[in-house]
ModelCIF file with pLDDT and N, C-alpha, C, O atoms, coordinates in Angstrom:
data_MODEL
#
_entry.id   MODEL 
#
_entity.id                         1 
_entity.type                       polymer 
_entity.pdbx_number_of_molecules   1 
#
_entity_poly.entity_id                      1 
_entity_poly.type                           'polypeptide(L)' 
_entity_poly.nstd_linkage                   no 
_entity_poly.nstd_monomer                   no 
_entity_poly.pdbx_seq_one_letter_code       
;(UNK)(UNK)(UNK)(UNK)(UNK)(UNK)(UNK)(UNK)(UNK)(UNK)(UNK)(UNK)(UNK)(UNK)(UNK)(UNK)
(UNK)(UNK)(UNK)(UNK)(UNK)(UNK)(UNK)(UNK)(UNK)(UNK)(UNK)(UNK)(UNK)(UNK)(UNK)(UNK)
(UNK)(UNK)(UNK)(UNK)(UNK)(UNK)(UNK)(UNK)(UNK)(UNK)(UNK)(UNK)(UNK)(UNK)(UNK)(UNK)
;
_entity_poly.pdbx_seq_one_letter_code_can   XXXXXXXXXXXXXXXXXXXXXXXXXXXXXXXXXXXXXXXXXXXXXXXX 
_entity_poly.pdbx_strand_id                 A 
#
loop_
_entity_poly_seq.entity_id 
_entity_poly_seq.num 
_entity_poly_seq.mon_id 
_entity_poly_seq.hetero 
1 1  UNK n 
1 2  UNK n 
1 3  UNK n 
1 4  UNK n 
1 5  UNK n 
1 6  UNK n 
1 7  UNK n 
1 8  UNK n 
1 9  UNK n 
1 10 UNK n 
1 11 UNK n 
1 12 UNK n 
1 13 UNK n 
1 14 UNK n 
1 15 UNK n 
1 16 UNK n 
1 17 UNK n 
1 18 UNK n 
1 19 UNK n 
1 20 UNK n 
1 21 UNK n 
1 22 UNK n 
1 23 UNK n 
1 24 UNK n 
1 25 UNK n 
1 26 UNK n 
1 27 UNK n 
1 28 UNK n 
1 29 UNK n 
1 30 UNK n 
1 31 UNK n 
1 32 UNK n 
1 33 UNK n 
1 34 UNK n 
1 35 UNK n 
1 36 UNK n 
1 37 UNK n 
1 38 UNK n 
1 39 UNK n 
1 40 UNK n 
1 41 UNK n 
1 42 UNK n 
1 43 UNK n 
1 44 UNK n 
1 45 UNK n 
1 46 UNK n 
1 47 UNK n 
1 48 UNK n 
#
_struct_asym.id          A 
_struct_asym.entity_id   1 
#
loop_
_ma_qa_metric.id 
_ma_qa_metric.mode 
_ma_qa_metric.name 
_ma_qa_metric.software_group_id 
_ma_qa_metric.type 
1 global pLDDT . pLDDT 
2 local  pLDDT . pLDDT 
#
_ma_qa_metric_global.metric_id      1 
_ma_qa_metric_global.metric_value   95.27 
_ma_qa_metric_global.model_id       1 
_ma_qa_metric_global.ordinal_id     1 
#
loop_
_ma_qa_metric_local.label_asym_id 
_ma_qa_metric_local.label_comp_id 
_ma_qa_metric_local.label_seq_id 
_ma_qa_metric_local.metric_id 
_ma_qa_metric_local.metric_value 
_ma_qa_metric_local.model_id 
_ma_qa_metric_local.ordinal_id 
A UNK 1  2 98.00 1 1  
A UNK 2  2 98.00 1 2  
A UNK 3  2 98.00 1 3  
A UNK 4  2 97.00 1 4  
A UNK 5  2 95.00 1 5  
A UNK 6  2 94.00 1 6  
A UNK 7  2 96.00 1 7  
A UNK 8  2 96.00 1 8  
A UNK 9  2 97.00 1 9  
A UNK 10 2 97.00 1 10 
A UNK 11 2 97.00 1 11 
A UNK 12 2 98.00 1 12 
A UNK 13 2 97.00 1 13 
A UNK 14 2 97.00 1 14 
A UNK 15 2 96.00 1 15 
A UNK 16 2 95.00 1 16 
A UNK 17 2 94.00 1 17 
A UNK 18 2 91.00 1 18 
A UNK 19 2 90.00 1 19 
A UNK 20 2 88.00 1 20 
A UNK 21 2 85.00 1 21 
A UNK 22 2 89.00 1 22 
A UNK 23 2 94.00 1 23 
A UNK 24 2 96.00 1 24 
A UNK 25 2 97.00 1 25 
A UNK 26 2 97.00 1 26 
A UNK 27 2 97.00 1 27 
A UNK 28 2 97.00 1 28 
A UNK 29 2 96.00 1 29 
A UNK 30 2 96.00 1 30 
A UNK 31 2 96.00 1 31 
A UNK 32 2 97.00 1 32 
A UNK 33 2 97.00 1 33 
A UNK 34 2 98.00 1 34 
A UNK 35 2 98.00 1 35 
A UNK 36 2 98.00 1 36 
A UNK 37 2 98.00 1 37 
A UNK 38 2 97.00 1 38 
A UNK 39 2 96.00 1 39 
A UNK 40 2 96.00 1 40 
A UNK 41 2 92.00 1 41 
A UNK 42 2 89.00 1 42 
A UNK 43 2 92.00 1 43 
A UNK 44 2 92.00 1 44 
A UNK 45 2 96.00 1 45 
A UNK 46 2 95.00 1 46 
A UNK 47 2 97.00 1 47 
A UNK 48 2 96.00 1 48 
#
loop_
_atom_site.group_PDB 
_atom_site.id 
_atom_site.type_symbol 
_atom_site.label_atom_id 
_atom_site.label_alt_id 
_atom_site.label_comp_id 
_atom_site.label_asym_id 
_atom_site.label_entity_id 
_atom_site.label_seq_id 
_atom_site.pdbx_PDB_ins_code 
_atom_site.Cartn_x 
_atom_site.Cartn_y 
_atom_site.Cartn_z 
_atom_site.occupancy 
_atom_site.B_iso_or_equiv 
_atom_site.pdbx_formal_charge 
_atom_site.auth_seq_id 
_atom_site.auth_comp_id 
_atom_site.auth_asym_id 
_atom_site.auth_atom_id 
_atom_site.pdbx_PDB_model_num 
ATOM 1   N N  . UNK A 1 1  ? 4.202  12.364 -2.183  1.00 98.00 ? 1  UNK A N  1 
ATOM 2   C CA . UNK A 1 1  ? 2.986  12.854 -1.546  1.00 98.00 ? 1  UNK A CA 1 
ATOM 3   C C  . UNK A 1 1  ? 2.670  11.965 -0.355  1.00 98.00 ? 1  UNK A C  1 
ATOM 4   O O  . UNK A 1 1  ? 2.837  10.747 -0.412  1.00 98.00 ? 1  UNK A O  1 
ATOM 5   N N  . UNK A 1 2  ? 2.211  12.589 0.725   1.00 98.00 ? 2  UNK A N  1 
ATOM 6   C CA . UNK A 1 2  ? 1.675  11.862 1.878   1.00 98.00 ? 2  UNK A CA 1 
ATOM 7   C C  . UNK A 1 2  ? 0.206  12.245 1.974   1.00 98.00 ? 2  UNK A C  1 
ATOM 8   O O  . UNK A 1 2  ? -0.148 13.421 2.056   1.00 98.00 ? 2  UNK A O  1 
ATOM 9   N N  . UNK A 1 3  ? -0.635 11.223 1.961   1.00 98.00 ? 3  UNK A N  1 
ATOM 10  C CA . UNK A 1 3  ? -2.073 11.433 2.030   1.00 98.00 ? 3  UNK A CA 1 
ATOM 11  C C  . UNK A 1 3  ? -2.580 10.828 3.337   1.00 98.00 ? 3  UNK A C  1 
ATOM 12  O O  . UNK A 1 3  ? -2.319 9.660  3.624   1.00 98.00 ? 3  UNK A O  1 
ATOM 13  N N  . UNK A 1 4  ? -3.299 11.616 4.125   1.00 97.00 ? 4  UNK A N  1 
ATOM 14  C CA . UNK A 1 4  ? -3.838 11.120 5.389   1.00 97.00 ? 4  UNK A CA 1 
ATOM 15  C C  . UNK A 1 4  ? -5.000 10.167 5.113   1.00 97.00 ? 4  UNK A C  1 
ATOM 16  O O  . UNK A 1 4  ? -5.498 10.084 3.990   1.00 97.00 ? 4  UNK A O  1 
ATOM 17  N N  . UNK A 1 5  ? -5.420 9.454  6.152   1.00 95.00 ? 5  UNK A N  1 
ATOM 18  C CA . UNK A 1 5  ? -6.547 8.527  6.001   1.00 95.00 ? 5  UNK A CA 1 
ATOM 19  C C  . UNK A 1 5  ? -7.850 9.271  5.702   1.00 95.00 ? 5  UNK A C  1 
ATOM 20  O O  . UNK A 1 5  ? -8.814 8.667  5.232   1.00 95.00 ? 5  UNK A O  1 
ATOM 21  N N  . UNK A 1 6  ? -7.883 10.569 5.972   1.00 94.00 ? 6  UNK A N  1 
ATOM 22  C CA . UNK A 1 6  ? -9.060 11.391 5.666   1.00 94.00 ? 6  UNK A CA 1 
ATOM 23  C C  . UNK A 1 6  ? -9.013 11.936 4.234   1.00 94.00 ? 6  UNK A C  1 
ATOM 24  O O  . UNK A 1 6  ? -9.954 12.592 3.788   1.00 94.00 ? 6  UNK A O  1 
ATOM 25  N N  . UNK A 1 7  ? -7.914 11.663 3.515   1.00 96.00 ? 7  UNK A N  1 
ATOM 26  C CA . UNK A 1 7  ? -7.797 12.093 2.125   1.00 96.00 ? 7  UNK A CA 1 
ATOM 27  C C  . UNK A 1 7  ? -7.086 13.414 1.920   1.00 96.00 ? 7  UNK A C  1 
ATOM 28  O O  . UNK A 1 7  ? -7.001 13.896 0.790   1.00 96.00 ? 7  UNK A O  1 
ATOM 29  N N  . UNK A 1 8  ? -6.572 14.012 2.985   1.00 96.00 ? 8  UNK A N  1 
ATOM 30  C CA . UNK A 1 8  ? -5.865 15.289 2.862   1.00 96.00 ? 8  UNK A CA 1 
ATOM 31  C C  . UNK A 1 8  ? -4.409 15.056 2.475   1.00 96.00 ? 8  UNK A C  1 
ATOM 32  O O  . UNK A 1 8  ? -3.761 14.144 2.988   1.00 96.00 ? 8  UNK A O  1 
ATOM 33  N N  . UNK A 1 9  ? -3.900 15.889 1.566   1.00 97.00 ? 9  UNK A N  1 
ATOM 34  C CA . UNK A 1 9  ? -2.482 15.853 1.222   1.00 97.00 ? 9  UNK A CA 1 
ATOM 35  C C  . UNK A 1 9  ? -1.733 16.654 2.272   1.00 97.00 ? 9  UNK A C  1 
ATOM 36  O O  . UNK A 1 9  ? -1.920 17.865 2.390   1.00 97.00 ? 9  UNK A O  1 
ATOM 37  N N  . UNK A 1 10 ? -0.873 15.966 3.046   1.00 97.00 ? 10 UNK A N  1 
ATOM 38  C CA . UNK A 1 10 ? -0.146 16.632 4.132   1.00 97.00 ? 10 UNK A CA 1 
ATOM 39  C C  . UNK A 1 10 ? 1.310  16.900 3.759   1.00 97.00 ? 10 UNK A C  1 
ATOM 40  O O  . UNK A 1 10 ? 2.022  17.593 4.486   1.00 97.00 ? 10 UNK A O  1 
ATOM 41  N N  . UNK A 1 11 ? 1.754  16.351 2.624   1.00 97.00 ? 11 UNK A N  1 
ATOM 42  C CA . UNK A 1 11 ? 3.125  16.581 2.139   1.00 97.00 ? 11 UNK A CA 1 
ATOM 43  C C  . UNK A 1 11 ? 3.096  16.392 0.633   1.00 97.00 ? 11 UNK A C  1 
ATOM 44  O O  . UNK A 1 11 ? 2.542  15.411 0.137   1.00 97.00 ? 11 UNK A O  1 
ATOM 45  N N  . UNK A 1 12 ? 3.694  17.331 -0.100  1.00 98.00 ? 12 UNK A N  1 
ATOM 46  C CA . UNK A 1 12 ? 3.768  17.230 -1.560  1.00 98.00 ? 12 UNK A CA 1 
ATOM 47  C C  . UNK A 1 12 ? 4.990  18.016 -2.014  1.00 98.00 ? 12 UNK A C  1 
ATOM 48  O O  . UNK A 1 12 ? 4.938  19.237 -2.159  1.00 98.00 ? 12 UNK A O  1 
ATOM 49  N N  . UNK A 1 13 ? 6.100  17.295 -2.238  1.00 97.00 ? 13 UNK A N  1 
ATOM 50  C CA . UNK A 1 13 ? 7.339  17.944 -2.662  1.00 97.00 ? 13 UNK A CA 1 
ATOM 51  C C  . UNK A 1 13 ? 8.088  17.046 -3.641  1.00 97.00 ? 13 UNK A C  1 
ATOM 52  O O  . UNK A 1 13 ? 7.919  15.826 -3.647  1.00 97.00 ? 13 UNK A O  1 
ATOM 53  N N  . UNK A 1 14 ? 8.912  17.673 -4.461  1.00 97.00 ? 14 UNK A N  1 
ATOM 54  C CA . UNK A 1 14 ? 9.841  16.932 -5.301  1.00 97.00 ? 14 UNK A CA 1 
ATOM 55  C C  . UNK A 1 14 ? 11.178 16.919 -4.582  1.00 97.00 ? 14 UNK A C  1 
ATOM 56  O O  . UNK A 1 14 ? 11.723 17.973 -4.254  1.00 97.00 ? 14 UNK A O  1 
ATOM 57  N N  . UNK A 1 15 ? 11.704 15.733 -4.337  1.00 96.00 ? 15 UNK A N  1 
ATOM 58  C CA . UNK A 1 15 ? 12.932 15.585 -3.566  1.00 96.00 ? 15 UNK A CA 1 
ATOM 59  C C  . UNK A 1 15 ? 13.885 14.624 -4.273  1.00 96.00 ? 15 UNK A C  1 
ATOM 60  O O  . UNK A 1 15 ? 13.466 13.777 -5.062  1.00 96.00 ? 15 UNK A O  1 
ATOM 61  N N  . UNK A 1 16 ? 15.147 14.773 -3.978  1.00 95.00 ? 16 UNK A N  1 
ATOM 62  C CA . UNK A 1 16 ? 16.175 13.886 -4.525  1.00 95.00 ? 16 UNK A CA 1 
ATOM 63  C C  . UNK A 1 16 ? 16.304 12.668 -3.617  1.00 95.00 ? 16 UNK A C  1 
ATOM 64  O O  . UNK A 1 16 ? 16.452 12.798 -2.402  1.00 95.00 ? 16 UNK A O  1 
ATOM 65  N N  . UNK A 1 17 ? 16.245 11.482 -4.221  1.00 94.00 ? 17 UNK A N  1 
ATOM 66  C CA . UNK A 1 17 ? 16.351 10.217 -3.496  1.00 94.00 ? 17 UNK A CA 1 
ATOM 67  C C  . UNK A 1 17 ? 17.469 9.412  -4.129  1.00 94.00 ? 17 UNK A C  1 
ATOM 68  O O  . UNK A 1 17 ? 17.618 9.401  -5.351  1.00 94.00 ? 17 UNK A O  1 
ATOM 69  N N  . UNK A 1 18 ? 18.255 8.739  -3.303  1.00 91.00 ? 18 UNK A N  1 
ATOM 70  C CA . UNK A 1 18 ? 19.340 7.911  -3.824  1.00 91.00 ? 18 UNK A CA 1 
ATOM 71  C C  . UNK A 1 18 ? 19.605 6.720  -2.938  1.00 91.00 ? 18 UNK A C  1 
ATOM 72  O O  . UNK A 1 18 ? 18.999 6.574  -1.877  1.00 91.00 ? 18 UNK A O  1 
ATOM 73  N N  . UNK A 1 19 ? 20.516 5.864  -3.376  1.00 90.00 ? 19 UNK A N  1 
ATOM 74  C CA . UNK A 1 19 ? 20.813 4.664  -2.606  1.00 90.00 ? 19 UNK A CA 1 
ATOM 75  C C  . UNK A 1 19 ? 21.580 4.949  -1.313  1.00 90.00 ? 19 UNK A C  1 
ATOM 76  O O  . UNK A 1 19 ? 21.374 4.263  -0.313  1.00 90.00 ? 19 UNK A O  1 
ATOM 77  N N  . UNK A 1 20 ? 22.447 5.936  -1.320  1.00 88.00 ? 20 UNK A N  1 
ATOM 78  C CA . UNK A 1 20 ? 23.260 6.212  -0.143  1.00 88.00 ? 20 UNK A CA 1 
ATOM 79  C C  . UNK A 1 20 ? 22.772 7.414  0.644   1.00 88.00 ? 20 UNK A C  1 
ATOM 80  O O  . UNK A 1 20 ? 23.059 7.541  1.834   1.00 88.00 ? 20 UNK A O  1 
ATOM 81  N N  . UNK A 1 21 ? 22.045 8.284  -0.009  1.00 85.00 ? 21 UNK A N  1 
ATOM 82  C CA . UNK A 1 21 ? 21.511 9.471  0.645   1.00 85.00 ? 21 UNK A CA 1 
ATOM 83  C C  . UNK A 1 21 ? 19.989 9.404  0.587   1.00 85.00 ? 21 UNK A C  1 
ATOM 84  O O  . UNK A 1 21 ? 19.363 9.975  -0.306  1.00 85.00 ? 21 UNK A O  1 
ATOM 85  N N  . UNK A 1 22 ? 19.412 8.704  1.545   1.00 89.00 ? 22 UNK A N  1 
ATOM 86  C CA . UNK A 1 22 ? 17.963 8.554  1.552   1.00 89.00 ? 22 UNK A CA 1 
ATOM 87  C C  . UNK A 1 22 ? 17.312 9.903  1.813   1.00 89.00 ? 22 UNK A C  1 
ATOM 88  O O  . UNK A 1 22 ? 17.864 10.754 2.510   1.00 89.00 ? 22 UNK A O  1 
ATOM 89  N N  . UNK A 1 23 ? 16.136 10.080 1.244   1.00 94.00 ? 23 UNK A N  1 
ATOM 90  C CA . UNK A 1 23 ? 15.353 11.280 1.523   1.00 94.00 ? 23 UNK A CA 1 
ATOM 91  C C  . UNK A 1 23 ? 14.688 11.089 2.875   1.00 94.00 ? 23 UNK A C  1 
ATOM 92  O O  . UNK A 1 23 ? 14.291 9.977  3.223   1.00 94.00 ? 23 UNK A O  1 
ATOM 93  N N  . UNK A 1 24 ? 14.567 12.151 3.626   1.00 96.00 ? 24 UNK A N  1 
ATOM 94  C CA . UNK A 1 24 ? 13.951 12.078 4.944   1.00 96.00 ? 24 UNK A CA 1 
ATOM 95  C C  . UNK A 1 24 ? 12.795 13.063 5.018   1.00 96.00 ? 24 UNK A C  1 
ATOM 96  O O  . UNK A 1 24 ? 12.922 14.229 4.644   1.00 96.00 ? 24 UNK A O  1 
ATOM 97  N N  . UNK A 1 25 ? 11.669 12.569 5.509   1.00 97.00 ? 25 UNK A N  1 
ATOM 98  C CA . UNK A 1 25 ? 10.482 13.404 5.663   1.00 97.00 ? 25 UNK A CA 1 
ATOM 99  C C  . UNK A 1 25 ? 10.165 13.484 7.155   1.00 97.00 ? 25 UNK A C  1 
ATOM 100 O O  . UNK A 1 25 ? 9.990  12.463 7.820   1.00 97.00 ? 25 UNK A O  1 
ATOM 101 N N  . UNK A 1 26 ? 10.096 14.699 7.664   1.00 97.00 ? 26 UNK A N  1 
ATOM 102 C CA . UNK A 1 26 ? 9.796  14.921 9.076   1.00 97.00 ? 26 UNK A CA 1 
ATOM 103 C C  . UNK A 1 26 ? 8.294  14.764 9.295   1.00 97.00 ? 26 UNK A C  1 
ATOM 104 O O  . UNK A 1 26 ? 7.497  15.582 8.835   1.00 97.00 ? 26 UNK A O  1 
ATOM 105 N N  . UNK A 1 27 ? 7.922  13.702 10.001  1.00 97.00 ? 27 UNK A N  1 
ATOM 106 C CA . UNK A 1 27 ? 6.516  13.446 10.302  1.00 97.00 ? 27 UNK A CA 1 
ATOM 107 C C  . UNK A 1 27 ? 6.203  13.679 11.778  1.00 97.00 ? 27 UNK A C  1 
ATOM 108 O O  . UNK A 1 27 ? 5.118  13.334 12.246  1.00 97.00 ? 27 UNK A O  1 
ATOM 109 N N  . UNK A 1 28 ? 7.148  14.261 12.508  1.00 97.00 ? 28 UNK A N  1 
ATOM 110 C CA . UNK A 1 28 ? 6.995  14.400 13.957  1.00 97.00 ? 28 UNK A CA 1 
ATOM 111 C C  . UNK A 1 28 ? 5.769  15.220 14.354  1.00 97.00 ? 28 UNK A C  1 
ATOM 112 O O  . UNK A 1 28 ? 5.184  14.966 15.407  1.00 97.00 ? 28 UNK A O  1 
ATOM 113 N N  . UNK A 1 29 ? 5.370  16.183 13.552  1.00 96.00 ? 29 UNK A N  1 
ATOM 114 C CA . UNK A 1 29 ? 4.225  17.025 13.908  1.00 96.00 ? 29 UNK A CA 1 
ATOM 115 C C  . UNK A 1 29 ? 2.905  16.498 13.337  1.00 96.00 ? 29 UNK A C  1 
ATOM 116 O O  . UNK A 1 29 ? 1.848  17.077 13.586  1.00 96.00 ? 29 UNK A O  1 
ATOM 117 N N  . UNK A 1 30 ? 2.962  15.411 12.578  1.00 96.00 ? 30 UNK A N  1 
ATOM 118 C CA . UNK A 1 30 ? 1.740  14.853 11.983  1.00 96.00 ? 30 UNK A CA 1 
ATOM 119 C C  . UNK A 1 30 ? 1.022  13.961 12.982  1.00 96.00 ? 30 UNK A C  1 
ATOM 120 O O  . UNK A 1 30 ? 1.643  13.359 13.858  1.00 96.00 ? 30 UNK A O  1 
ATOM 121 N N  . UNK A 1 31 ? -0.296 13.887 12.838  1.00 96.00 ? 31 UNK A N  1 
ATOM 122 C CA . UNK A 1 31 ? -1.113 13.066 13.717  1.00 96.00 ? 31 UNK A CA 1 
ATOM 123 C C  . UNK A 1 31 ? -0.837 11.580 13.500  1.00 96.00 ? 31 UNK A C  1 
ATOM 124 O O  . UNK A 1 31 ? -0.456 11.158 12.408  1.00 96.00 ? 31 UNK A O  1 
ATOM 125 N N  . UNK A 1 32 ? -1.033 10.806 14.546  1.00 97.00 ? 32 UNK A N  1 
ATOM 126 C CA . UNK A 1 32 ? -0.925 9.356  14.435  1.00 97.00 ? 32 UNK A CA 1 
ATOM 127 C C  . UNK A 1 32 ? -2.023 8.844  13.505  1.00 97.00 ? 32 UNK A C  1 
ATOM 128 O O  . UNK A 1 32 ? -3.118 9.405  13.452  1.00 97.00 ? 32 UNK A O  1 
ATOM 129 N N  . UNK A 1 33 ? -1.718 7.781  12.780  1.00 97.00 ? 33 UNK A N  1 
ATOM 130 C CA . UNK A 1 33 ? -2.705 7.187  11.879  1.00 97.00 ? 33 UNK A CA 1 
ATOM 131 C C  . UNK A 1 33 ? -2.040 6.546  10.688  1.00 97.00 ? 33 UNK A C  1 
ATOM 132 O O  . UNK A 1 33 ? -0.817 6.415  10.628  1.00 97.00 ? 33 UNK A O  1 
ATOM 133 N N  . UNK A 1 34 ? -2.871 6.146  9.735   1.00 98.00 ? 34 UNK A N  1 
ATOM 134 C CA . UNK A 1 34 ? -2.397 5.496  8.510   1.00 98.00 ? 34 UNK A CA 1 
ATOM 135 C C  . UNK A 1 34 ? -2.307 6.543  7.409   1.00 98.00 ? 34 UNK A C  1 
ATOM 136 O O  . UNK A 1 34 ? -3.219 7.347  7.221   1.00 98.00 ? 34 UNK A O  1 
ATOM 137 N N  . UNK A 1 35 ? -1.190 6.518  6.683   1.00 98.00 ? 35 UNK A N  1 
ATOM 138 C CA . UNK A 1 35 ? -0.956 7.430  5.572   1.00 98.00 ? 35 UNK A CA 1 
ATOM 139 C C  . UNK A 1 35 ? -0.622 6.620  4.328   1.00 98.00 ? 35 UNK A C  1 
ATOM 140 O O  . UNK A 1 35 ? -0.056 5.530  4.414   1.00 98.00 ? 35 UNK A O  1 
ATOM 141 N N  . UNK A 1 36 ? -0.978 7.167  3.173   1.00 98.00 ? 36 UNK A N  1 
ATOM 142 C CA . UNK A 1 36 ? -0.551 6.605  1.903   1.00 98.00 ? 36 UNK A CA 1 
ATOM 143 C C  . UNK A 1 36 ? 0.603  7.447  1.392   1.00 98.00 ? 36 UNK A C  1 
ATOM 144 O O  . UNK A 1 36 ? 0.500  8.671  1.305   1.00 98.00 ? 36 UNK A O  1 
ATOM 145 N N  . UNK A 1 37 ? 1.704  6.787  1.054   1.00 98.00 ? 37 UNK A N  1 
ATOM 146 C CA . UNK A 1 37 ? 2.863  7.455  0.472   1.00 98.00 ? 37 UNK A CA 1 
ATOM 147 C C  . UNK A 1 37 ? 2.822  7.173  -1.020  1.00 98.00 ? 37 UNK A C  1 
ATOM 148 O O  . UNK A 1 37 ? 2.819  6.014  -1.434  1.00 98.00 ? 37 UNK A O  1 
ATOM 149 N N  . UNK A 1 38 ? 2.793  8.216  -1.824  1.00 97.00 ? 38 UNK A N  1 
ATOM 150 C CA . UNK A 1 38 ? 2.819  8.076  -3.285  1.00 97.00 ? 38 UNK A CA 1 
ATOM 151 C C  . UNK A 1 38 ? 4.131  8.659  -3.769  1.00 97.00 ? 38 UNK A C  1 
ATOM 152 O O  . UNK A 1 38 ? 4.450  9.815  -3.492  1.00 97.00 ? 38 UNK A O  1 
ATOM 153 N N  . UNK A 1 39 ? 4.896  7.842  -4.501  1.00 96.00 ? 39 UNK A N  1 
ATOM 154 C CA . UNK A 1 39 ? 6.194  8.272  -5.011  1.00 96.00 ? 39 UNK A CA 1 
ATOM 155 C C  . UNK A 1 39 ? 6.167  8.157  -6.525  1.00 96.00 ? 39 UNK A C  1 
ATOM 156 O O  . UNK A 1 39 ? 5.925  7.080  -7.070  1.00 96.00 ? 39 UNK A O  1 
ATOM 157 N N  . UNK A 1 40 ? 6.417  9.276  -7.204  1.00 96.00 ? 40 UNK A N  1 
ATOM 158 C CA . UNK A 1 40 ? 6.424  9.305  -8.667  1.00 96.00 ? 40 UNK A CA 1 
ATOM 159 C C  . UNK A 1 40 ? 7.828  9.612  -9.145  1.00 96.00 ? 40 UNK A C  1 
ATOM 160 O O  . UNK A 1 40 ? 8.373  10.674 -8.845  1.00 96.00 ? 40 UNK A O  1 
ATOM 161 N N  . UNK A 1 41 ? 8.430  8.665  -9.905  1.00 92.00 ? 41 UNK A N  1 
ATOM 162 C CA . UNK A 1 41 ? 9.748  8.888  -10.496 1.00 92.00 ? 41 UNK A CA 1 
ATOM 163 C C  . UNK A 1 41 ? 9.955  7.919  -11.644 1.00 92.00 ? 41 UNK A C  1 
ATOM 164 O O  . UNK A 1 41 ? 9.360  6.842  -11.675 1.00 92.00 ? 41 UNK A O  1 
ATOM 165 N N  . UNK A 1 42 ? 10.797 8.304  -12.583 1.00 89.00 ? 42 UNK A N  1 
ATOM 166 C CA . UNK A 1 42 ? 11.097 7.485  -13.769 1.00 89.00 ? 42 UNK A CA 1 
ATOM 167 C C  . UNK A 1 42 ? 9.835  6.984  -14.474 1.00 89.00 ? 42 UNK A C  1 
ATOM 168 O O  . UNK A 1 42 ? 9.805  5.854  -14.961 1.00 89.00 ? 42 UNK A O  1 
ATOM 169 N N  . UNK A 1 43 ? 8.802  7.811  -14.532 1.00 92.00 ? 43 UNK A N  1 
ATOM 170 C CA . UNK A 1 43 ? 7.560  7.441  -15.207 1.00 92.00 ? 43 UNK A CA 1 
ATOM 171 C C  . UNK A 1 43 ? 6.726  6.420  -14.452 1.00 92.00 ? 43 UNK A C  1 
ATOM 172 O O  . UNK A 1 43 ? 5.792  5.857  -15.022 1.00 92.00 ? 43 UNK A O  1 
ATOM 173 N N  . UNK A 1 44 ? 7.030  6.168  -13.204 1.00 92.00 ? 44 UNK A N  1 
ATOM 174 C CA . UNK A 1 44 ? 6.293  5.201  -12.393 1.00 92.00 ? 44 UNK A CA 1 
ATOM 175 C C  . UNK A 1 44 ? 5.608  5.909  -11.242 1.00 92.00 ? 44 UNK A C  1 
ATOM 176 O O  . UNK A 1 44 ? 6.010  6.999  -10.833 1.00 92.00 ? 44 UNK A O  1 
ATOM 177 N N  . UNK A 1 45 ? 4.570  5.273  -10.727 1.00 96.00 ? 45 UNK A N  1 
ATOM 178 C CA . UNK A 1 45 ? 3.912  5.748  -9.515  1.00 96.00 ? 45 UNK A CA 1 
ATOM 179 C C  . UNK A 1 45 ? 3.786  4.574  -8.560  1.00 96.00 ? 45 UNK A C  1 
ATOM 180 O O  . UNK A 1 45 ? 3.127  3.580  -8.866  1.00 96.00 ? 45 UNK A O  1 
ATOM 181 N N  . UNK A 1 46 ? 4.418  4.692  -7.410  1.00 95.00 ? 46 UNK A N  1 
ATOM 182 C CA . UNK A 1 46 ? 4.399  3.625  -6.418  1.00 95.00 ? 46 UNK A CA 1 
ATOM 183 C C  . UNK A 1 46 ? 3.636  4.098  -5.190  1.00 95.00 ? 46 UNK A C  1 
ATOM 184 O O  . UNK A 1 46 ? 3.756  5.257  -4.791  1.00 95.00 ? 46 UNK A O  1 
ATOM 185 N N  . UNK A 1 47 ? 2.845  3.197  -4.581  1.00 97.00 ? 47 UNK A N  1 
ATOM 186 C CA . UNK A 1 47 ? 2.056  3.548  -3.405  1.00 97.00 ? 47 UNK A CA 1 
ATOM 187 C C  . UNK A 1 47 ? 2.378  2.590  -2.273  1.00 97.00 ? 47 UNK A C  1 
ATOM 188 O O  . UNK A 1 47 ? 2.511  1.383  -2.474  1.00 97.00 ? 47 UNK A O  1 
ATOM 189 N N  . UNK A 1 48 ? 2.500  3.151  -1.087  1.00 96.00 ? 48 UNK A N  1 
ATOM 190 C CA . UNK A 1 48 ? 2.772  2.378  0.127   1.00 96.00 ? 48 UNK A CA 1 
ATOM 191 C C  . UNK A 1 48 ? 1.887  2.920  1.247   1.00 96.00 ? 48 UNK A C  1 
ATOM 192 O O  . UNK A 1 48 ? 1.940  2.423  2.372   1.00 96.00 ? 48 UNK A O  1 
#
Protein backbone atom coordinates (compact mmCIF):
# COMPACT_ATOMS: atom_id res chain seq x y z
CA UNK A 1 0.00 0.00 0.00
CA UNK A 2 1.10 3.57 -0.71
CA UNK A 3 -0.53 6.15 1.51
CA UNK A 4 -0.23 9.86 0.69
CA UNK A 5 0.54 12.45 3.35
CA UNK A 6 -3.16 13.37 3.22
CA UNK A 7 -4.09 9.80 4.20
CA UNK A 8 -5.36 8.62 0.81
CA UNK A 9 -4.48 5.13 -0.42
CA UNK A 10 -2.98 5.70 -3.87
CA UNK A 11 -1.77 2.11 -4.46
CA UNK A 12 -3.04 -1.18 -3.02
CA UNK A 13 -2.02 -4.41 -4.75
CA UNK A 14 -0.66 -7.85 -3.97
CA UNK A 15 2.58 -8.32 -5.88
CA UNK A 16 5.38 -10.86 -6.08
CA UNK A 17 8.67 -9.64 -4.61
CA UNK A 18 12.00 -11.45 -4.68
CA UNK A 19 15.72 -10.98 -4.28
CA UNK A 20 16.54 -10.94 -7.99
CA UNK A 21 13.26 -9.72 -9.43
CA UNK A 22 12.35 -6.62 -7.48
CA UNK A 23 8.79 -5.39 -7.65
CA UNK A 24 8.43 -2.04 -9.37
CA UNK A 25 5.73 0.52 -8.68
CA UNK A 26 5.18 3.30 -11.22
CA UNK A 27 4.95 6.55 -9.26
CA UNK A 28 5.54 8.84 -12.25
CA UNK A 29 1.96 10.18 -12.26
CA UNK A 30 1.77 10.66 -8.47
CA UNK A 31 2.17 14.07 -6.87
CA UNK A 32 5.41 15.06 -5.19
CA UNK A 33 5.41 14.61 -1.42
CA UNK A 34 5.91 12.14 1.40
CA UNK A 35 4.28 8.71 1.19
CA UNK A 36 4.06 5.82 3.62
CA UNK A 37 4.80 2.42 2.09
CA UNK A 38 3.17 -0.47 3.95
CA UNK A 39 4.31 -3.96 3.01
CA UNK A 40 2.53 -7.01 4.42
CA UNK A 41 4.10 -10.46 3.92
CA UNK A 42 4.96 -13.57 5.95
CA UNK A 43 2.67 -12.37 8.76
CA UNK A 44 4.60 -9.10 9.12
CA UNK A 45 3.74 -5.49 8.41
CA UNK A 46 6.60 -3.15 7.58
CA UNK A 47 6.30 0.63 7.13
CA UNK A 48 8.66 3.00 5.35
